[in-house]
Amino acid sequence: MAYVVTDACIDVQDRSCIEECPVDCIYTGPRMMYINPEECVDCGRCEPACPTVSIYHEEDLPSGKEQFTSINETVFLTLGIGSPGGARKIPPLAADHEEVASWIK
């Protein structure tokens, strides 16, 4: 995985990152966005587009946000989505990762 969406996106979902993503690898969940690690090409265009500063390169994740690497990876496995080859090909995700679903801001 190259880029990771973190908790600053929860209940905000500005979607500016989606407009910048050249490979359509950012998916919308009920409470936050997720980057599919199998589809991300590590271009970095999403990071500066995010007004809430919720996207980081996995090597630059701030302390205390490391769990979001796993959250972004496993949401595609736990929901049975896999790698559909672009967010526009499927409807928004039906559920968030269980940690995000129960996250209290």
C-alpha atoms as a PDB file:
ATOM      1  CA  MET A   1       0.000   0.000   0.000  1.00  0.00           C
ATOM      2  CA  ALA A   2       1.177   3.477  -0.695  1.00  0.00           C
ATOM      3  CA  TYR A   3      -1.383   5.928   0.686  1.00  0.00           C
ATOM      4  CA  VAL A   4      -3.699   5.549   3.670  1.00  0.00           C
ATOM      5  CA  VAL A   5      -6.875   7.389   4.687  1.00  0.00           C
ATOM      6  CA  THR A   6      -7.040   8.062   8.436  1.00  0.00           C
ATOM      7  CA  ASP A   7      -9.576   9.171  11.049  1.00  0.00           C
ATOM      8  CA  ALA A   8      -9.729  12.835   9.979  1.00  0.00           C
ATOM      9  CA  CYS A   9     -11.921  11.609   7.100  1.00  0.00           C
ATOM     10  CA  ILE A  10     -14.503   9.982   9.358  1.00  0.00           C
ATOM     11  CA  ASP A  11     -17.874  11.715   8.944  1.00  0.00           C
ATOM     12  CA  VAL A  12     -16.335  14.335   6.608  1.00  0.00           C
ATOM     13  CA  GLN A  13     -15.710  12.673   3.218  1.00  0.00           C
ATOM     14  CA  ASP A  14     -14.839  15.814   1.249  1.00  0.00           C
ATOM     15  CA  ARG A  15     -14.132  13.715  -1.890  1.00  0.00           C
ATOM     16  CA  SER A  16     -11.502  16.088  -3.317  1.00  0.00           C
ATOM     17  CA  CYS A  17      -9.144  13.124  -3.286  1.00  0.00           C
ATOM     18  CA  ILE A  18     -11.425  11.186  -5.639  1.00  0.00           C
ATOM     19  CA  GLU A  19     -11.261  13.956  -8.221  1.00  0.00           C
ATOM     20  CA  GLU A  20      -7.454  13.811  -8.205  1.00  0.00           C
ATOM     21  CA  CYS A  21      -7.006  10.043  -8.276  1.00  0.00           C
ATOM     22  CA  PRO A  22      -5.991   8.937 -11.795  1.00  0.00           C
ATOM     23  CA  VAL A  23      -6.762   5.246 -11.163  1.00  0.00           C
ATOM     24  CA  ASP A  24     -10.067   5.531  -9.261  1.00  0.00           C
ATOM     25  CA  CYS A  25      -8.774   3.610  -6.213  1.00  0.00           C
ATOM     26  CA  ILE A  26     -10.527   5.640  -3.504  1.00  0.00           C
ATOM     27  CA  TYR A  27     -13.806   4.103  -2.358  1.00  0.00           C
ATOM     28  CA  THR A  28     -16.609   5.692  -0.346  1.00  0.00           C
ATOM     29  CA  GLY A  29     -17.862   4.004   2.800  1.00  0.00           C
ATOM     30  CA  PRO A  30     -20.712   5.189   5.016  1.00  0.00           C
ATOM     31  CA  ARG A  31     -18.369   7.146   7.324  1.00  0.00           C
ATOM     32  CA  MET A  32     -15.029   7.483   5.514  1.00  0.00           C
ATOM     33  CA  MET A  33     -13.101   6.910   2.303  1.00  0.00           C
ATOM     34  CA  TYR A  34     -10.710   3.985   1.753  1.00  0.00           C
ATOM     35  CA  ILE A  35      -7.760   3.565  -0.611  1.00  0.00           C
ATOM     36  CA  ASN A  36      -7.514   0.131  -2.196  1.00  0.00           C
ATOM     37  CA  PRO A  37      -3.846  -0.893  -1.835  1.00  0.00           C
ATOM     38  CA  GLU A  38      -4.084  -3.263  -4.814  1.00  0.00           C
ATOM     39  CA  GLU A  39      -5.114  -0.417  -7.119  1.00  0.00           C
ATOM     40  CA  CYS A  40      -3.119   2.563  -5.790  1.00  0.00           C
ATOM     41  CA  VAL A  41      -0.189   3.502  -8.041  1.00  0.00           C
ATOM     42  CA  ASP A  42       1.551   5.652  -5.411  1.00  0.00           C
ATOM     43  CA  CYS A  43       1.202   8.886  -7.423  1.00  0.00           C
ATOM     44  CA  GLY A  44       0.490  11.028  -4.349  1.00  0.00           C
ATOM     45  CA  ARG A  45      -2.079  13.287  -6.004  1.00  0.00           C
ATOM     46  CA  CYS A  46      -4.689  12.523  -3.338  1.00  0.00           C
ATOM     47  CA  GLU A  47      -2.618  13.692  -0.380  1.00  0.00           C
ATOM     48  CA  PRO A  48      -2.453  17.450  -1.105  1.00  0.00           C
ATOM     49  CA  ALA A  49      -6.056  17.445  -2.364  1.00  0.00           C
ATOM     50  CA  CYS A  50      -7.403  16.379   1.045  1.00  0.00           C
ATOM     51  CA  PRO A  51      -8.536  19.473   3.019  1.00  0.00           C
ATOM     52  CA  THR A  52      -8.803  17.533   6.293  1.00  0.00           C
ATOM     53  CA  VAL A  53      -5.231  16.190   6.081  1.00  0.00           C
ATOM     54  CA  SER A  54      -6.401  12.613   6.453  1.00  0.00           C
ATOM     55  CA  ILE A  55      -4.284  10.992   3.719  1.00  0.00           C
ATOM     56  CA  TYR A  56      -0.676  10.003   4.353  1.00  0.00           C
ATOM     57  CA  HIS A  57       1.911   7.877   2.655  1.00  0.00           C
ATOM     58  CA  GLU A  58       2.122   4.744   4.796  1.00  0.00           C
ATOM     59  CA  GLU A  59       5.732   5.542   5.719  1.00  0.00           C
ATOM     60  CA  ASP A  60       4.693   9.003   6.969  1.00  0.00           C
ATOM     61  CA  LEU A  61       1.732   8.018   9.157  1.00  0.00           C
ATOM     62  CA  PRO A  62       1.710  10.019  12.394  1.00  0.00           C
ATOM     63  CA  SER A  63       2.127   8.129  15.631  1.00  0.00           C
ATOM     64  CA  GLY A  64      -1.150   6.623  16.773  1.00  0.00           C
ATOM     65  CA  LYS A  65      -2.570   6.258  13.255  1.00  0.00           C
ATOM     66  CA  GLU A  66      -0.715   3.093  12.235  1.00  0.00           C
ATOM     67  CA  GLN A  67      -3.870   0.960  12.499  1.00  0.00           C
ATOM     68  CA  PHE A  68      -5.306   2.746   9.464  1.00  0.00           C
ATOM     69  CA  THR A  69      -2.893   0.882   7.179  1.00  0.00           C
ATOM     70  CA  SER A  70      -4.606  -2.345   8.185  1.00  0.00           C
ATOM     71  CA  ILE A  71      -8.058  -0.745   8.105  1.00  0.00           C
ATOM     72  CA  ASN A  72      -7.573   0.415   4.494  1.00  0.00           C
ATOM     73  CA  GLU A  73      -6.229  -3.009   3.494  1.00  0.00           C
ATOM     74  CA  THR A  74      -8.755  -5.237   5.221  1.00  0.00           C
ATOM     75  CA  VAL A  75     -11.963  -3.361   4.414  1.00  0.00           C
ATOM     76  CA  PHE A  76     -11.728  -4.747   0.880  1.00  0.00           C
ATOM     77  CA  LEU A  77     -11.212  -8.279   2.184  1.00  0.00           C
ATOM     78  CA  THR A  78     -13.761  -8.274   5.010  1.00  0.00           C
ATOM     79  CA  LEU A  79     -16.526  -6.850   2.827  1.00  0.00           C
ATOM     80  CA  GLY A  80     -15.723  -9.302   0.040  1.00  0.00           C
ATOM     81  CA  ILE A  81     -14.998  -6.567  -2.488  1.00  0.00           C
ATOM     82  CA  GLY A  82     -11.481  -7.523  -3.472  1.00  0.00           C
ATOM     83  CA  SER A  83     -10.076  -5.341  -6.220  1.00  0.00           C
ATOM     84  CA  PRO A  84     -12.841  -4.392  -8.652  1.00  0.00           C
ATOM     85  CA  GLY A  85     -10.561  -2.138 -10.693  1.00  0.00           C
ATOM     86  CA  GLY A  86     -12.110   1.197  -9.841  1.00  0.00           C
ATOM     87  CA  ALA A  87     -14.563   2.736  -7.422  1.00  0.00           C
ATOM     88  CA  ARG A  88     -16.899   3.916 -10.181  1.00  0.00           C
ATOM     89  CA  LYS A  89     -17.566   0.289 -11.147  1.00  0.00           C
ATOM     90  CA  ILE A  90     -19.382  -0.494  -7.901  1.00  0.00           C
ATOM     91  CA  PRO A  91     -21.839   1.313  -5.614  1.00  0.00           C
ATOM     92  CA  PRO A  92     -20.529   2.919  -2.405  1.00  0.00           C
ATOM     93  CA  LEU A  93     -19.418   0.391   0.181  1.00  0.00           C
ATOM     94  CA  ALA A  94     -22.324  -0.985   2.213  1.00  0.00           C
ATOM     95  CA  ALA A  95     -20.369  -0.866   5.467  1.00  0.00           C
ATOM     96  CA  ASP A  96     -17.242   0.572   7.017  1.00  0.00           C
ATOM     97  CA  HIS A  97     -14.432  -1.363   8.604  1.00  0.00           C
ATOM     98  CA  GLU A  98     -15.655  -2.388  12.081  1.00  0.00           C
ATOM     99  CA  GLU A  99     -13.182  -0.026  13.805  1.00  0.00           C
ATOM    100  CA  VAL A 100     -14.402   2.918  11.741  1.00  0.00           C
ATOM    101  CA  ALA A 101     -18.061   1.998  12.231  1.00  0.00           C
ATOM    102  CA  SER A 102     -17.623   2.190  15.994  1.00  0.00           C
ATOM    103  CA  TRP A 103     -15.216   5.167  16.000  1.00  0.00           C
ATOM    104  CA  ILE A 104     -16.259   8.008  18.286  1.00  0.00           C
ATOM    105  CA  LYS A 105     -14.938  11.449  17.396  1.00  0.00           C
END
